[in-house]
Protein backbone atom coordinates (compact mmCIF):
# COMPACT_ATOMS: atom_id res chain seq x y z
CA MET A 1 0.00 0.00 0.00
CA ALA A 2 1.51 3.31 -1.10
CA ARG A 3 1.96 5.98 1.55
CA ARG A 4 3.75 8.64 -0.49
CA SER A 5 4.83 8.78 -4.08
CA SER A 6 8.27 7.36 -3.23
CA GLN A 7 7.32 5.32 -0.16
CA ILE A 8 5.79 1.85 -0.18
CA THR A 9 4.95 -0.72 2.45
CA LEU A 10 5.99 -4.31 1.78
CA GLN A 11 5.79 -7.41 3.92
CA PRO A 12 8.66 -7.35 6.46
CA SER A 13 9.08 -11.12 6.17
CA VAL A 14 9.67 -10.80 2.43
CA LEU A 15 12.31 -8.10 2.90
CA LEU A 16 14.04 -10.27 5.51
CA TRP A 17 13.87 -13.27 3.18
CA ALA A 18 15.43 -11.28 0.31
CA ARG A 19 18.40 -10.34 2.47
CA GLN A 20 18.89 -13.79 3.93
CA ARG A 21 18.65 -15.60 0.57
CA ALA A 22 21.63 -13.51 -0.55
CA LYS A 23 23.46 -14.44 2.67
CA LEU A 24 23.93 -10.81 3.68
CA SER A 25 23.89 -9.44 7.20
CA ALA A 26 21.92 -6.28 7.92
CA ASP A 27 25.20 -4.37 8.10
CA ASP A 28 26.35 -5.79 4.75
CA LEU A 29 23.11 -4.84 3.03
CA ALA A 30 23.17 -1.37 4.59
CA ARG A 31 26.63 -0.70 3.15
CA LYS A 32 25.58 -1.86 -0.30
CA VAL A 33 22.37 0.22 -0.31
CA SER A 34 24.13 3.22 1.32
CA VAL A 35 21.89 3.44 4.38
CA LYS A 36 22.47 2.93 8.10
CA PRO A 37 22.01 -0.60 9.49
CA GLU A 38 19.14 0.72 11.62
CA ARG A 39 17.26 1.57 8.44
CA VAL A 40 17.55 -2.02 7.18
CA ARG A 41 16.24 -3.31 10.50
CA ASP A 42 13.35 -0.88 10.28
CA TRP A 43 12.44 -2.22 6.82
CA GLU A 44 12.37 -5.74 8.21
CA TYR A 45 10.21 -4.63 11.15
CA SER A 46 7.69 -2.27 9.53
CA GLY A 47 7.99 -2.99 5.81
CA ASP A 48 8.26 0.74 5.06
CA ILE A 49 10.80 1.36 2.30
CA SER A 50 11.22 3.78 -0.58
CA MET A 51 10.72 2.59 -4.14
CA SER A 52 14.32 3.37 -5.09
CA GLN A 53 15.67 1.53 -2.06
CA ALA A 54 13.47 -1.48 -2.84
CA GLN A 55 14.86 -1.53 -6.37
CA LYS A 56 18.40 -1.40 -5.01
CA LEU A 57 17.63 -4.18 -2.54
CA ALA A 58 16.27 -6.37 -5.33
CA ARG A 59 19.31 -5.73 -7.51
CA ILE A 60 21.84 -6.33 -4.74
CA THR A 61 20.18 -9.54 -3.50
CA TYR A 62 19.50 -10.81 -7.06
CA THR A 63 15.81 -11.02 -6.23
CA PRO A 64 13.21 -10.50 -8.99
CA PHE A 65 11.71 -7.10 -8.15
CA GLY A 66 8.15 -8.42 -8.31
CA TYR A 67 8.92 -10.93 -5.56
CA LEU A 68 9.23 -8.07 -3.04
CA PHE A 69 5.49 -7.38 -3.43
CA LEU A 70 4.44 -10.91 -2.49
CA PRO A 71 2.35 -11.37 0.67
CA GLU A 72 4.84 -13.93 1.99
CA PRO A 73 8.26 -15.29 1.03
CA PRO A 74 8.07 -17.70 -1.93
CA ASP A 75 9.07 -21.33 -1.67
CA GLU A 76 12.15 -21.15 -3.87
CA SER A 77 13.17 -24.70 -4.55
CA LEU A 78 15.26 -26.16 -7.34
CA PRO A 79 13.30 -26.98 -10.53
CA ILE A 80 15.15 -30.30 -10.75
CA ALA A 81 15.95 -33.05 -8.26
CA ASP A 82 18.32 -32.13 -5.44
CA PHE A 83 20.88 -34.90 -4.93
CA ARG A 84 23.28 -32.81 -2.87
CA THR A 85 24.70 -34.51 0.20
CA VAL A 86 26.83 -33.01 2.94
CA GLY A 87 27.29 -35.62 5.64
CA ASP A 88 23.99 -36.41 7.33
CA LYS A 89 22.58 -32.93 6.77
CA PRO A 90 19.68 -32.31 4.37
CA PRO A 91 20.38 -30.15 1.28
CA ARG A 92 20.34 -26.47 2.14
CA GLN A 93 18.19 -23.84 0.45
CA PRO A 94 19.63 -23.15 -3.02
CA SER A 95 21.36 -19.81 -3.40
CA PRO A 96 20.30 -17.22 -5.99
CA ASN A 97 23.50 -18.01 -7.89
CA LEU A 98 22.68 -21.71 -8.15
CA LEU A 99 19.04 -21.05 -9.08
CA ASP A 100 19.95 -18.50 -11.76
CA THR A 101 22.54 -20.88 -13.21
CA VAL A 102 20.02 -23.73 -13.45
CA TYR A 103 17.43 -21.43 -15.04
CA ALA A 104 19.98 -20.17 -17.59
CA MET A 105 20.97 -23.72 -18.54
CA GLN A 106 17.31 -24.73 -18.86
CA ARG A 107 16.81 -21.87 -21.33
CA ARG A 108 19.83 -22.99 -23.34
CA GLN A 109 18.61 -26.56 -23.40
CA ALA A 110 15.05 -25.62 -24.42
CA TRP A 111 16.37 -23.54 -27.31
CA MET A 112 18.81 -26.23 -28.42
CA ARG A 113 16.12 -28.91 -28.31
CA GLU A 114 13.97 -26.82 -30.64
CA GLU A 115 16.91 -26.34 -33.00
CA MET A 116 17.65 -30.06 -33.05
CA THR A 117 14.09 -31.23 -33.57
CA ILE A 118 12.78 -28.55 -35.94
CA GLU A 119 15.74 -27.21 -37.90
CA TYR A 120 18.01 -30.25 -37.96
CA GLU A 121 15.33 -32.97 -37.69
CA ALA A 122 17.63 -34.85 -35.36
CA GLN A 123 16.92 -38.31 -34.05
CA PRO A 124 16.82 -38.96 -30.29
CA LEU A 125 20.18 -39.84 -28.78
CA PRO A 126 19.94 -43.59 -28.07
CA PHE A 127 21.98 -43.57 -24.86
CA VAL A 128 19.87 -41.01 -22.94
CA GLY A 129 18.04 -42.87 -20.20
CA ALA A 130 18.99 -46.20 -21.77
CA HIS A 131 20.10 -47.76 -18.49
CA ALA A 132 18.53 -48.50 -15.12
CA LEU A 133 19.86 -48.29 -11.58
CA THR A 134 19.75 -52.09 -11.46
CA ASP A 135 22.22 -52.47 -14.36
CA ASP A 136 25.82 -53.53 -13.88
CA PRO A 137 27.92 -50.35 -13.42
CA LYS A 138 30.76 -51.94 -15.42
CA GLU A 139 28.49 -52.54 -18.40
CA VAL A 140 27.10 -49.02 -18.25
CA ALA A 141 30.59 -47.54 -17.94
CA GLY A 142 31.55 -49.53 -21.03
CA ALA A 143 28.51 -48.15 -22.85
CA MET A 144 29.56 -44.64 -21.84
CA ARG A 145 33.02 -45.18 -23.33
CA ASP A 146 31.50 -46.65 -26.51
CA ALA A 147 29.18 -43.67 -26.92
CA LEU A 148 32.11 -41.28 -26.57
CA GLY A 149 34.42 -43.33 -28.77
CA ILE A 150 37.21 -43.67 -26.21
CA ASP A 151 39.19 -46.68 -24.99
CA GLN A 152 39.79 -47.72 -21.39
CA GLY A 153 43.36 -46.42 -21.32
CA TRP A 154 42.67 -43.04 -22.93
CA ALA A 155 43.77 -40.91 -19.94
CA ALA A 156 47.28 -42.38 -19.80
CA SER A 157 48.11 -40.78 -23.18
CA VAL A 158 47.43 -37.18 -22.08
CA PRO A 159 50.00 -35.22 -20.05
CA ASN A 160 47.98 -33.76 -17.18
CA TRP A 161 44.56 -33.25 -15.58
CA SER A 162 43.76 -30.13 -17.61
CA ALA A 163 44.47 -31.85 -20.92
CA ALA A 164 42.49 -34.90 -19.83
CA LEU A 165 39.55 -32.74 -18.85
CA ARG A 166 39.62 -30.94 -22.22
CA ARG A 167 39.79 -34.27 -24.05
CA LEU A 168 36.86 -35.70 -22.12
CA ARG A 169 34.82 -32.49 -22.50
CA ASP A 170 35.34 -32.56 -26.27
CA LYS A 171 34.36 -36.23 -26.51
CA VAL A 172 31.18 -35.65 -24.51
CA GLU A 173 30.20 -32.74 -26.76
CA ASP A 174 30.98 -34.77 -29.89
CA ALA A 175 28.50 -37.38 -28.63
CA GLY A 176 25.73 -34.75 -28.72
CA ILE A 177 25.72 -33.55 -25.12
CA LEU A 178 25.96 -29.86 -24.27
CA VAL A 179 28.74 -29.25 -21.73
CA PHE A 180 29.32 -26.03 -19.82
CA PHE A 181 32.01 -25.21 -17.26
CA ASN A 182 31.63 -21.98 -15.31
CA GLY A 183 32.61 -20.59 -11.95
CA VAL A 184 30.35 -17.52 -12.01
CA VAL A 185 26.78 -16.71 -12.96
CA GLY A 186 27.02 -16.02 -16.69
CA ASN A 187 29.98 -13.69 -17.05
CA ASN A 188 29.37 -11.82 -13.80
CA THR A 189 32.57 -12.19 -11.79
CA ARG A 190 30.82 -10.58 -8.82
CA ARG A 191 28.61 -13.65 -8.55
CA PRO A 192 30.97 -16.60 -7.99
CA LEU A 193 29.53 -20.09 -7.67
CA ASP A 194 30.23 -21.92 -4.43
CA ARG A 195 31.92 -25.32 -4.84
CA LYS A 196 30.71 -26.20 -1.35
CA GLU A 197 27.11 -25.72 -2.48
CA PHE A 198 27.18 -27.85 -5.63
CA GLN A 199 29.65 -29.45 -8.00
CA GLY A 200 27.48 -29.94 -11.06
CA PHE A 201 24.13 -30.91 -12.48
CA ALA A 202 22.62 -32.75 -15.41
CA LEU A 203 19.53 -31.83 -17.45
CA VAL A 204 18.21 -34.90 -19.22
CA ASP A 205 16.70 -34.62 -22.69
CA GLU A 206 16.83 -37.12 -25.54
CA TYR A 207 17.68 -34.40 -28.08
CA ALA A 208 19.71 -31.88 -26.06
CA PRO A 209 21.08 -33.40 -22.84
CA LEU A 210 23.15 -30.94 -20.83
CA ILE A 211 25.90 -31.13 -18.23
CA PHE A 212 27.06 -28.20 -16.10
CA VAL A 213 30.26 -28.39 -14.04
CA ASN A 214 31.10 -25.89 -11.32
CA ASN A 215 34.47 -24.53 -12.43
CA THR A 216 35.39 -23.24 -8.98
CA ASP A 217 35.90 -26.83 -7.88
CA PHE A 218 39.34 -28.44 -7.99
CA LYS A 219 40.61 -29.79 -11.29
CA ALA A 220 40.78 -33.43 -10.23
CA ALA A 221 37.29 -33.14 -8.74
CA GLN A 222 35.93 -31.68 -12.00
CA MET A 223 36.98 -34.79 -13.89
CA PHE A 224 34.91 -36.96 -11.57
CA THR A 225 31.98 -34.50 -11.66
CA LEU A 226 31.88 -34.58 -15.46
CA ALA A 227 31.85 -38.39 -15.45
CA HIS A 228 29.26 -38.44 -12.67
CA GLU A 229 26.89 -36.10 -14.52
CA LEU A 230 27.45 -38.12 -17.71
CA ALA A 231 26.23 -41.15 -15.76
CA HIS A 232 23.08 -39.19 -14.87
CA ILE A 233 22.38 -38.73 -18.59
CA PHE A 234 22.75 -42.47 -19.22
CA VAL A 235 20.29 -43.41 -16.46
CA GLY A 236 17.92 -40.54 -17.32
CA GLU A 237 17.99 -38.94 -13.86
CA MET A 238 18.44 -35.16 -13.84
CA GLY A 239 19.47 -33.29 -10.73
CA VAL A 240 22.03 -31.21 -8.84
CA SER A 241 24.96 -33.04 -7.24
CA HIS A 242 27.43 -32.37 -4.48
CA LEU A 243 29.50 -35.06 -2.79
CA GLU A 244 31.98 -34.57 -0.01
CA ASP A 245 35.27 -35.92 -1.29
CA MET A 246 34.05 -39.33 -2.43
CA GLN A 247 32.13 -40.06 0.76
CA PRO A 248 29.20 -42.46 0.16
CA ALA A 249 26.02 -40.76 -1.06
CA ASN A 250 22.76 -41.15 0.79
CA ASN A 251 20.50 -42.09 -2.14
CA ASP A 252 20.42 -44.85 -4.72
CA THR A 253 20.80 -42.63 -7.80
CA GLU A 254 23.95 -40.90 -6.56
CA ARG A 255 25.50 -44.12 -5.35
CA PHE A 256 24.94 -45.76 -8.74
CA CYS A 257 26.23 -42.74 -10.68
CA ASP A 258 29.31 -42.70 -8.44
CA LYS A 259 30.00 -46.34 -9.26
CA MET A 260 29.53 -45.74 -12.98
CA ALA A 261 31.78 -42.66 -12.95
CA ALA A 262 34.46 -44.47 -10.97
CA GLU A 263 34.45 -47.47 -13.32
CA PHE A 264 34.37 -45.15 -16.33
CA LEU A 265 37.42 -43.19 -15.17
CA VAL A 266 39.31 -45.99 -13.42
CA PRO A 267 38.32 -49.40 -14.85
CA GLU A 268 38.84 -52.14 -12.28
CA SER A 269 40.99 -54.32 -14.54
CA GLU A 270 43.38 -51.44 -15.30
CA LEU A 271 43.37 -50.33 -11.68
CA ARG A 272 44.52 -53.74 -10.48
CA ALA A 273 47.27 -53.88 -13.10
CA CYS A 274 48.51 -50.41 -12.14
CA TRP A 275 48.27 -51.15 -8.43
CA HIS A 276 50.26 -54.37 -8.59
CA ALA A 277 52.85 -52.83 -10.89
CA THR A 278 53.65 -50.14 -8.34
CA GLY A 279 57.12 -50.47 -6.88
CA VAL A 280 57.70 -51.22 -3.22
CA ASN A 281 58.86 -47.68 -2.49
CA ASP A 282 56.27 -45.96 -4.70
CA ASN A 283 52.91 -44.56 -3.62
CA PRO A 284 50.16 -46.61 -5.34
CA TYR A 285 47.60 -43.82 -4.88
CA ASN A 286 49.77 -41.31 -6.73
CA SER A 287 50.50 -43.85 -9.47
CA VAL A 288 46.79 -44.44 -10.04
CA ALA A 289 46.05 -40.72 -9.89
CA SER A 290 48.75 -39.97 -12.45
CA GLN A 291 47.73 -42.69 -14.88
CA PHE A 292 43.98 -42.05 -14.80
CA LYS A 293 44.10 -38.27 -14.21
CA VAL A 294 42.00 -38.39 -11.05
CA SER A 295 42.69 -37.24 -7.50
CA SER A 296 44.53 -39.51 -5.10
CA ILE A 297 41.37 -39.61 -2.96
CA VAL A 298 39.43 -40.98 -5.94
CA ALA A 299 42.25 -43.50 -6.40
CA ALA A 300 41.97 -44.53 -2.75
CA ARG A 301 38.21 -44.83 -3.00
CA ARG A 302 38.53 -47.08 -6.07
CA ALA A 303 41.05 -49.21 -4.18
CA LEU A 304 38.48 -49.56 -1.40
CA ASP A 305 35.65 -50.40 -3.83
CA THR A 306 37.75 -53.14 -5.41
CA GLU A 307 38.95 -54.46 -2.03
CA LEU A 308 42.59 -53.58 -2.63
CA ILE A 309 42.56 -51.78 0.71
CA SER A 310 40.40 -51.99 3.83
CA LYS A 311 37.84 -49.41 4.89
CA SER A 312 40.03 -48.40 7.82
CA ALA A 313 42.97 -47.86 5.44
CA PHE A 314 40.80 -45.67 3.22
CA LEU A 315 39.57 -43.61 6.15
CA ASP A 316 43.13 -43.15 7.40
CA PHE A 317 44.27 -42.07 3.94
CA TYR A 318 41.29 -39.74 3.55
CA GLU A 319 41.90 -38.11 6.91
CA GLU A 320 45.58 -37.56 6.10
CA HIS A 321 45.17 -36.35 2.52
CA GLN A 322 41.87 -34.45 2.43
CA ASN A 323 43.82 -31.17 2.45
CA GLU A 324 46.61 -32.27 0.14
CA VAL A 325 48.27 -30.05 -2.44
CA TRP A 326 45.98 -30.92 -5.36
CA ARG A 327 43.04 -29.40 -3.48
CA SER A 328 44.72 -26.01 -3.33
CA LYS A 329 45.15 -25.69 -7.07
CA GLN A 330 42.04 -24.23 -8.61
CA GLU A 331 43.18 -24.19 -12.21
CA ASN A 332 40.92 -22.15 -14.42
CA PRO A 333 40.77 -23.87 -17.85
CA GLY A 334 40.83 -20.49 -19.57
CA GLY A 335 43.14 -18.77 -17.14
CA GLY A 336 42.69 -15.03 -17.47
CA ASN A 337 42.00 -15.19 -21.21
CA PHE A 338 38.46 -13.97 -21.89
CA TRP A 339 37.92 -16.03 -25.03
CA LEU A 340 39.40 -19.20 -23.64
CA ASN A 341 36.96 -18.79 -20.76
CA GLN A 342 34.08 -18.45 -23.22
CA ILE A 343 35.03 -21.74 -24.88
CA TRP A 344 34.29 -23.37 -21.52
CA ARG A 345 31.39 -21.15 -20.46
CA VAL A 346 29.47 -21.08 -23.75
CA GLY A 347 30.92 -24.13 -25.45
CA PRO A 348 31.92 -24.39 -29.14
CA ARG A 349 28.93 -26.55 -30.07
CA PHE A 350 26.31 -24.31 -28.49
CA ALA A 351 28.04 -21.12 -29.68
CA ALA A 352 28.16 -22.45 -33.26
CA ALA A 353 24.47 -23.34 -33.15
CA VAL A 354 23.53 -19.86 -31.93
CA VAL A 355 25.67 -18.14 -34.57
CA CYS A 356 24.13 -20.28 -37.32
CA ALA A 357 20.63 -19.43 -36.13
CA VAL A 358 21.40 -15.70 -36.11
CA LYS A 359 22.98 -15.75 -39.58
CA GLU A 360 20.02 -17.67 -40.99
CA GLY A 361 17.48 -15.32 -39.40
CA ARG A 362 15.91 -17.82 -36.99
CA LEU A 363 17.19 -16.06 -33.89
CA SER A 364 17.28 -12.35 -33.08
CA TYR A 365 20.43 -10.72 -31.77
CA THR A 366 18.61 -9.90 -28.54
CA GLU A 367 17.79 -13.56 -27.99
CA ALA A 368 21.34 -14.60 -28.93
CA TYR A 369 22.78 -12.10 -26.45
CA SER A 370 20.56 -13.54 -23.72
CA LEU A 371 21.50 -17.15 -24.50
CA THR A 372 25.25 -16.61 -24.68
CA GLY A 373 25.76 -13.73 -22.25
CA LEU A 374 27.73 -11.95 -24.98
CA ARG A 375 26.50 -8.89 -26.81
CA GLY A 376 27.43 -6.28 -29.38
CA ASN A 377 30.89 -6.50 -30.92
CA THR A 378 31.82 -9.20 -28.44
CA PHE A 379 29.14 -11.48 -29.88
CA GLU A 380 30.12 -10.55 -33.44
CA ASN A 381 33.74 -11.48 -32.71
CA MET A 382 32.79 -14.80 -31.14
CA PRO A 383 33.15 -17.04 -34.25
CA GLU A 384 36.69 -15.84 -34.96
CA LYS A 385 37.87 -15.62 -31.34
CA MET A 386 36.47 -19.03 -30.41
CA GLY A 387 37.59 -20.65 -33.65
CA LEU A 388 34.04 -21.33 -34.80
CA SER A 389 34.40 -20.42 -38.48
CA PHE A 390 34.83 -24.01 -39.64
CA ALA A 391 32.19 -25.27 -37.20
CA VAL A 392 29.65 -22.75 -38.45
CA ASN A 393 30.25 -23.36 -42.14
CA SER A 394 30.21 -27.14 -41.99
CA MET A 395 28.10 -27.70 -38.94
CA SER A 396 26.87 -31.18 -38.26
CA ILE A 397 25.35 -31.13 -34.82
CA ALA A 398 22.70 -33.73 -35.42
């Protein structure tokens, strides 16, 4: 109810919810809105706030402005299944950054599905949802490798984790799956994603399946996340994932996808050969990690799964190495190079599809800007800077 031209009265509980969803204290919000902390507390007690301050509050907390006029805080839950596990605790309320990232990826997927079905008359991808949770993880892992066209020992031929991750990302995209790596919301570096909130998610669709990997996570962890989300595509179960350093998940879907990802990355037969070939004075965990381009904790967990070590040995190793050096190296695939970052954030396959649609008049520039997060001359330069010229001219994304 309006009191003066610039003054409005909103529900105090909604104003409090907007601040808390952004994880801001009253003092933090006051600094950002340029008011005294007492003013913020007054808003959350009486609901009296000026229109301009309400607009600032919405912008700073990444809350849709219309939400502030609701009679009570909305139930903001994820639009897909929430498979996140952190010990015995239930999944926490999703942050605005996670929600906005999922919504953005859903828009990309919806547009790509329409392109595939209408413009390219694509056939459904046969591997999407082709397997059940009761299947043998080894057989499904083999099917995953077949679909990507890679052999069991592929990782041993690449020099490091970053190269292995690029190779796997490219193979997954070549199979028809959209893959995006990002550590911020869109290109907004002021909105970093939290690796402790989620590591990745999968959006299942038989024409445009999509995988998103949180790029703020550690390099060795990203490899497992990509394989884990790929497993979600193969069993047709979409959702957001977060696992605490290979600790057992608390639901059947995550446990099965973990087993598939582990067998996909570190096949049991190769693991045993590598393990037994390790010299007396060598560290078998490091040998496995080096050969398969996974973390040593993943190597230890695979050794436990295959009964090469006991559970107590795994727990001892985990306790000793959970803060090891590899965890401190957050390698950004693109480094500080803007266009290398876009190759991971937008993806060559998706970027090429958008450029084609714009050039052929099926997509407006405004829509293309929204889908890619790039606009103006930056969007125009995208084909050249991302090396898309060949992809656009001879595109075969079906």
